[in-house]
Amino acid sequence: MAPQSTGEIQDVDTGGPDGIDVDREEIDLLDSQIIDIIQRRRRISHRIQQRRLGSGGPRTVLSREMVVLDRYREALGAEGNTLAIDILHFCRGAAPAPKATVGSSAATADDAGPSA
């Protein structure tokens, strides 16, 4: 069985100054994978939003977002919370423009925060 990652940075000597290029290549690969995963997450989040809206539900569910925020904060500390907020905001996408009617408020429940 392969050991699980603890999320901690491993201090591994990759061969001095020449190892910098190797490490940068690994970071570039990781960045590419992170981008792919976030794009996939955004597509899935959009599907969930469409299903909720199609069934008469809200665009966002704050209790679900709190679960996501807690997960990131527990795994990554305070910076994890900030990262989760940014990811949730990105994956939520732009809120649809409110339909203006005479005497109605332009604020919606969607303005409350990011979506899971």
Protein backbone atom coordinates (compact mmCIF):
# COMPACT_ATOMS: atom_id res chain seq x y z
CA MET A 1 0.00 0.00 0.00
CA ALA A 2 1.35 3.44 -0.95
CA PRO A 3 1.82 5.96 1.86
CA GLN A 4 -0.72 8.76 1.94
CA SER A 5 0.39 12.34 1.54
CA THR A 6 0.21 14.40 4.70
CA GLY A 7 0.24 17.62 2.71
CA GLU A 8 3.54 18.56 4.32
CA ILE A 9 6.40 19.81 2.20
CA GLN A 10 9.11 17.21 1.94
CA ASP A 11 12.69 18.52 2.07
CA VAL A 12 14.30 16.34 -0.56
CA ASP A 13 17.68 17.25 -2.04
CA THR A 14 17.34 17.03 -5.82
CA GLY A 15 21.00 17.55 -6.54
CA GLY A 16 21.93 21.15 -5.75
CA PRO A 17 21.41 24.07 -8.15
CA ASP A 18 20.75 21.71 -11.06
CA GLY A 19 17.88 20.26 -9.08
CA ILE A 20 16.05 23.60 -9.27
CA ASP A 21 15.10 22.89 -12.88
CA VAL A 22 13.81 19.45 -11.90
CA ASP A 23 11.76 20.95 -9.08
CA ARG A 24 10.38 23.67 -11.36
CA GLU A 25 9.33 21.05 -13.90
CA GLU A 26 7.51 19.20 -11.14
CA ILE A 27 5.80 22.42 -10.02
CA ASP A 28 4.79 23.14 -13.63
CA LEU A 29 3.26 19.67 -13.86
CA LEU A 30 1.45 20.15 -10.55
CA ASP A 31 0.15 23.56 -11.64
CA SER A 32 -1.20 22.01 -14.84
CA GLN A 33 -2.96 19.29 -12.84
CA ILE A 34 -4.38 21.83 -10.37
CA ILE A 35 -5.75 23.93 -13.25
CA ASP A 36 -7.35 20.85 -14.82
CA ILE A 37 -8.92 19.85 -11.50
CA ILE A 38 -10.28 23.34 -10.83
CA GLN A 39 -11.77 23.51 -14.33
CA ARG A 40 -13.41 20.12 -13.75
CA ARG A 41 -14.70 21.29 -10.37
CA ARG A 42 -16.19 24.39 -12.01
CA ARG A 43 -18.05 22.29 -14.59
CA ILE A 44 -19.46 20.02 -11.88
CA SER A 45 -20.44 23.01 -9.72
CA HIS A 46 -22.27 24.51 -12.69
CA ARG A 47 -24.19 21.24 -13.22
CA ILE A 48 -25.20 21.19 -9.56
CA GLN A 49 -26.38 24.80 -9.74
CA GLN A 50 -28.44 24.07 -12.85
CA ARG A 51 -30.07 21.05 -11.21
CA ARG A 52 -30.92 23.02 -8.06
CA LEU A 53 -32.34 25.93 -10.03
CA GLY A 54 -34.25 23.54 -12.29
CA SER A 55 -35.95 22.00 -9.26
CA GLY A 56 -36.81 25.38 -7.77
CA GLY A 57 -33.93 25.43 -5.29
CA PRO A 58 -31.38 28.14 -4.56
CA ARG A 59 -28.27 28.65 -6.64
CA THR A 60 -26.06 28.28 -3.58
CA VAL A 61 -26.33 26.31 -0.35
CA LEU A 62 -24.37 28.03 2.39
CA SER A 63 -24.32 24.99 4.69
CA ARG A 64 -22.56 23.02 1.96
CA GLU A 65 -20.08 25.85 1.46
CA MET A 66 -19.25 25.81 5.15
CA VAL A 67 -18.39 22.10 4.90
CA VAL A 68 -16.00 22.89 2.03
CA LEU A 69 -14.43 25.83 3.89
CA ASP A 70 -13.94 23.69 6.99
CA ARG A 71 -12.27 20.95 4.94
CA TYR A 72 -9.74 23.34 3.43
CA ARG A 73 -9.09 25.13 6.73
CA GLU A 74 -8.52 21.84 8.57
CA ALA A 75 -6.13 20.57 5.90
CA LEU A 76 -4.26 23.80 5.11
CA GLY A 77 -4.78 26.20 7.99
CA ALA A 78 -5.95 29.81 7.66
CA GLU A 79 -4.59 30.11 4.13
CA GLY A 80 -6.71 27.08 3.20
CA ASN A 81 -9.83 29.01 4.10
CA THR A 82 -8.79 31.87 1.83
CA LEU A 83 -7.97 29.43 -0.96
CA ALA A 84 -11.36 27.71 -0.57
CA ILE A 85 -13.20 31.03 -0.77
CA ASP A 86 -11.39 31.84 -4.02
CA ILE A 87 -12.08 28.39 -5.48
CA LEU A 88 -15.75 28.54 -4.48
CA HIS A 89 -16.09 32.01 -5.98
CA PHE A 90 -14.41 30.93 -9.22
CA CYS A 91 -16.47 27.75 -9.51
CA ARG A 92 -19.72 29.57 -8.80
CA GLY A 93 -19.26 31.84 -11.78
CA ALA A 94 -21.02 35.12 -12.27
CA ALA A 95 -24.46 35.42 -10.76
CA PRO A 96 -27.20 35.92 -13.29
CA ALA A 97 -28.36 39.51 -13.56
CA PRO A 98 -31.41 40.05 -11.37
CA LYS A 99 -34.66 40.68 -13.17
CA ALA A 100 -35.52 44.25 -12.35
CA THR A 101 -39.13 45.04 -11.61
CA VAL A 102 -40.66 48.18 -10.25
CA GLY A 103 -40.31 48.25 -6.47
CA SER A 104 -38.14 45.10 -6.24
CA SER A 105 -34.77 44.79 -4.61
CA ALA A 106 -31.83 43.84 -6.86
CA ALA A 107 -30.17 41.83 -4.06
CA THR A 108 -30.64 38.06 -4.13
CA ALA A 109 -29.67 35.09 -1.98
CA ASP A 110 -26.90 34.47 -4.50
CA ASP A 111 -25.12 37.57 -3.22
CA ALA A 112 -24.58 35.86 0.14
CA GLY A 113 -21.40 33.99 -0.73
CA PRO A 114 -19.57 31.37 -2.78
CA SER A 115 -21.00 28.03 -3.92
CA ALA A 116 -19.66 24.50 -3.49
